C-alpha atoms as a PDB file:
ATOM      1  CA  MET A   1       6.413  -6.444  -7.410  1.00  0.00           C
ATOM      2  CA  ASP A   2       6.373  -7.008  -3.651  1.00  0.00           C
ATOM      3  CA  THR A   3       4.189  -9.983  -3.575  1.00  0.00           C
ATOM      4  CA  ASP A   4       5.004 -11.840  -6.550  1.00  0.00           C
ATOM      5  CA  PRO A   5       8.043 -10.713  -8.411  1.00  0.00           C
ATOM      6  CA  ASP A   6       8.100 -13.451 -10.923  1.00  0.00           C
ATOM      7  CA  LYS A   7       5.064 -12.126 -12.681  1.00  0.00           C
ATOM      8  CA  ILE A   8       7.093  -8.941 -13.843  1.00  0.00           C
ATOM      9  CA  ASP A   9       8.349 -10.458 -17.184  1.00  0.00           C
ATOM     10  CA  LYS A  10       9.042  -9.062 -20.599  1.00  0.00           C
ATOM     11  CA  ALA A  11       5.345  -8.869 -21.494  1.00  0.00           C
ATOM     12  CA  PHE A  12       4.737  -6.644 -18.388  1.00  0.00           C
ATOM     13  CA  TYR A  13       7.380  -4.137 -19.488  1.00  0.00           C
ATOM     14  CA  THR A  14       6.063  -4.144 -23.068  1.00  0.00           C
ATOM     15  CA  GLN A  15       2.702  -3.180 -21.748  1.00  0.00           C
ATOM     16  CA  LEU A  16       4.352  -0.352 -19.497  1.00  0.00           C
ATOM     17  CA  LYS A  17       6.332   0.873 -22.712  1.00  0.00           C
ATOM     18  CA  GLN A  18       2.818   1.494 -24.461  1.00  0.00           C
ATOM     19  CA  HIS A  19       2.246   4.290 -21.606  1.00  0.00           C
ATOM     20  CA  TYR A  20       5.619   5.361 -20.256  1.00  0.00           C
ATOM     21  CA  SER A  21       9.151   6.055 -21.556  1.00  0.00           C
ATOM     22  CA  THR A  22      11.908   3.894 -20.568  1.00  0.00           C
ATOM     23  CA  GLU A  23      13.096   6.725 -17.764  1.00  0.00           C
ATOM     24  CA  GLU A  24       9.749   6.794 -16.441  1.00  0.00           C
ATOM     25  CA  ILE A  25       9.529   3.061 -16.123  1.00  0.00           C
ATOM     26  CA  VAL A  26      12.659   3.170 -14.059  1.00  0.00           C
ATOM     27  CA  GLU A  27      11.552   6.015 -11.967  1.00  0.00           C
ATOM     28  CA  LEU A  28       8.327   4.219 -11.206  1.00  0.00           C
ATOM     29  CA  GLY A  29      10.116   1.079 -10.375  1.00  0.00           C
ATOM     30  CA  ALA A  30      12.443   2.925  -8.122  1.00  0.00           C
ATOM     31  CA  PHE A  31       9.452   4.792  -6.295  1.00  0.00           C
ATOM     32  CA  ILE A  32       7.652   1.134  -5.868  1.00  0.00           C
ATOM     33  CA  GLY A  33      10.798  -0.280  -4.596  1.00  0.00           C
ATOM     34  CA  PHE A  34      11.787   2.428  -2.062  1.00  0.00           C
ATOM     35  CA  ASN A  35       8.286   2.643  -0.565  1.00  0.00           C
ATOM     36  CA  ILE A  36       8.159  -1.436  -0.287  1.00  0.00           C
ATOM     37  CA  GLY A  37      11.394  -1.172   1.739  1.00  0.00           C
ATOM     38  CA  TYR A  38      10.251   1.776   3.751  1.00  0.00           C
ATOM     39  CA  HIS A  39       7.023  -0.025   4.647  1.00  0.00           C
ATOM     40  CA  THR A  40       9.138  -3.019   5.592  1.00  0.00           C
ATOM     41  CA  TRP A  41      11.315  -0.943   7.712  1.00  0.00           C
ATOM     42  CA  PHE A  42       8.564   0.987   9.434  1.00  0.00           C
ATOM     43  CA  GLY A  43       7.014  -2.224  10.295  1.00  0.00           C
ATOM     44  CA  THR A  44       9.844  -3.458  12.238  1.00  0.00           C
ATOM     45  CA  LEU A  45       9.779   0.025  14.351  1.00  0.00           C
ATOM     46  CA  GLY A  46       6.311  -0.449  14.816  1.00  0.00           C
ATOM     47  CA  PHE A  47       4.985   2.525  12.698  1.00  0.00           C
ATOM     48  CA  TYR A  48       1.961   2.140  10.621  1.00  0.00           C
ATOM     49  CA  PRO A  49       1.134   3.818   7.269  1.00  0.00           C
ATOM     50  CA  MET A  50      -0.046   7.448   7.489  1.00  0.00           C
ATOM     51  CA  PHE A  51      -2.344   6.463   4.666  1.00  0.00           C
ATOM     52  CA  THR A  52      -5.278   3.990   4.355  1.00  0.00           C
ATOM     53  CA  PRO A  53      -5.257   2.009   1.142  1.00  0.00           C
ATOM     54  CA  ASP A  54      -7.912   4.375  -0.229  1.00  0.00           C
ATOM     55  CA  GLY A  55      -5.746   7.325   0.390  1.00  0.00           C
ATOM     56  CA  ARG A  56      -7.222   8.936   3.450  1.00  0.00           C
ATOM     57  CA  LEU A  57      -5.030  10.237   6.171  1.00  0.00           C
ATOM     58  CA  VAL A  58      -5.094   8.807   9.409  1.00  0.00           C
ATOM     59  CA  ASP A  59      -3.425   8.703  12.945  1.00  0.00           C
ATOM     60  CA  GLN A  60      -1.519   5.913  14.389  1.00  0.00           C
ATOM     61  CA  GLU A  61      -4.678   4.172  16.378  1.00  0.00           C
ATOM     62  CA  GLU A  62      -6.657   4.218  13.195  1.00  0.00           C
ATOM     63  CA  SER A  63      -4.053   2.892  11.028  1.00  0.00           C
ATOM     64  CA  ALA A  64      -3.452  -0.139  13.513  1.00  0.00           C
ATOM     65  CA  ARG A  65      -6.905  -0.947  13.205  1.00  0.00           C
ATOM     66  CA  ILE A  66      -6.665  -1.226   9.589  1.00  0.00           C
ATOM     67  CA  TYR A  67      -3.395  -2.724   9.075  1.00  0.00           C
ATOM     68  CA  GLY A  68      -3.622  -5.238  11.981  1.00  0.00           C
ATOM     69  CA  ASP A  69      -1.418  -5.995  14.841  1.00  0.00           C
ATOM     70  CA  LYS A  70       1.676  -5.895  12.665  1.00  0.00           C
ATOM     71  CA  PRO A  71       1.447  -3.676   9.776  1.00  0.00           C
ATOM     72  CA  ILE A  72       2.771  -6.047   6.756  1.00  0.00           C
ATOM     73  CA  SER A  73       1.074  -5.222   3.750  1.00  0.00           C
ATOM     74  CA  HIS A  74      -1.931  -3.211   2.573  1.00  0.00           C
ATOM     75  CA  THR A  75      -2.445  -6.528   0.406  1.00  0.00           C
ATOM     76  CA  LYS A  76      -3.630  -8.494   3.539  1.00  0.00           C
ATOM     77  CA  GLY A  77      -7.203  -7.437   4.331  1.00  0.00           C
ATOM     78  CA  ALA A  78      -6.164  -3.834   4.921  1.00  0.00           C
ATOM     79  CA  ILE A  79      -8.287  -2.537   2.089  1.00  0.00           C
ATOM     80  CA  GLN A  80     -11.658  -4.302   3.235  1.00  0.00           C
ATOM     81  CA  ARG A  81     -10.795  -2.759   6.852  1.00  0.00           C
ATOM     82  CA  ALA A  82     -10.499   0.462   5.496  1.00  0.00           C
ATOM     83  CA  LYS A  83     -13.634   0.253   3.372  1.00  0.00           C
ATOM     84  CA  GLU A  84     -15.470  -0.804   6.527  1.00  0.00           C
ATOM     85  CA  GLY A  85     -13.988   1.905   8.806  1.00  0.00           C
ATOM     86  CA  LYS A  86     -14.831   4.544   6.052  1.00  0.00           C
ATOM     87  CA  GLN A  87     -18.267   3.148   6.163  1.00  0.00           C
ATOM     88  CA  ASN A  88     -18.495   3.383   9.881  1.00  0.00           C
ATOM     89  CA  LYS A  89     -17.373   7.188   9.944  1.00  0.00           C
ATOM     90  CA  THR A  90     -19.888   8.117   7.508  1.00  0.00           C
ATOM     91  CA  ASP A  91     -22.865   6.422   8.966  1.00  0.00           C
ATOM     92  CA  GLY A  92     -22.329   8.055  12.559  1.00  0.00           C
ATOM     93  CA  SER A  93     -21.608   4.626  14.306  1.00  0.00           C
ATOM     94  CA  LEU A  94     -18.581   4.183  16.680  1.00  0.00           C
ATOM     95  CA  GLU A  95     -15.954   1.374  16.104  1.00  0.00           C
END
C-alpha cells in the first residue's frame, strides 16, 4: 500500500474477500493507513520504531542502527540489518 498503491486493485480485494469480511478489510486498511501515517510523522520528529521488522522490542539506539540515519521504511534494508543484529546478539559478538 505504501510503496506501490497501484498494485492494490480489484483482484487484490477479491483475494482478501476469500479470507475476510468487508468490515474486516476496511479495518485492516485503516490500521495499515494509520501506521504508515504514524511512521511518516515519527520520521519527521526523529523517532524510530520501537520494534524491529522481525518484531523485537528495541531502544532508540538499536532502532537507529537498523533503520538507518533517517527512518523511512522497513522496506529499505532494515529487515536485513535487523536479522544481522539479532545474529550478532545470539553469537555473543559486539556491534
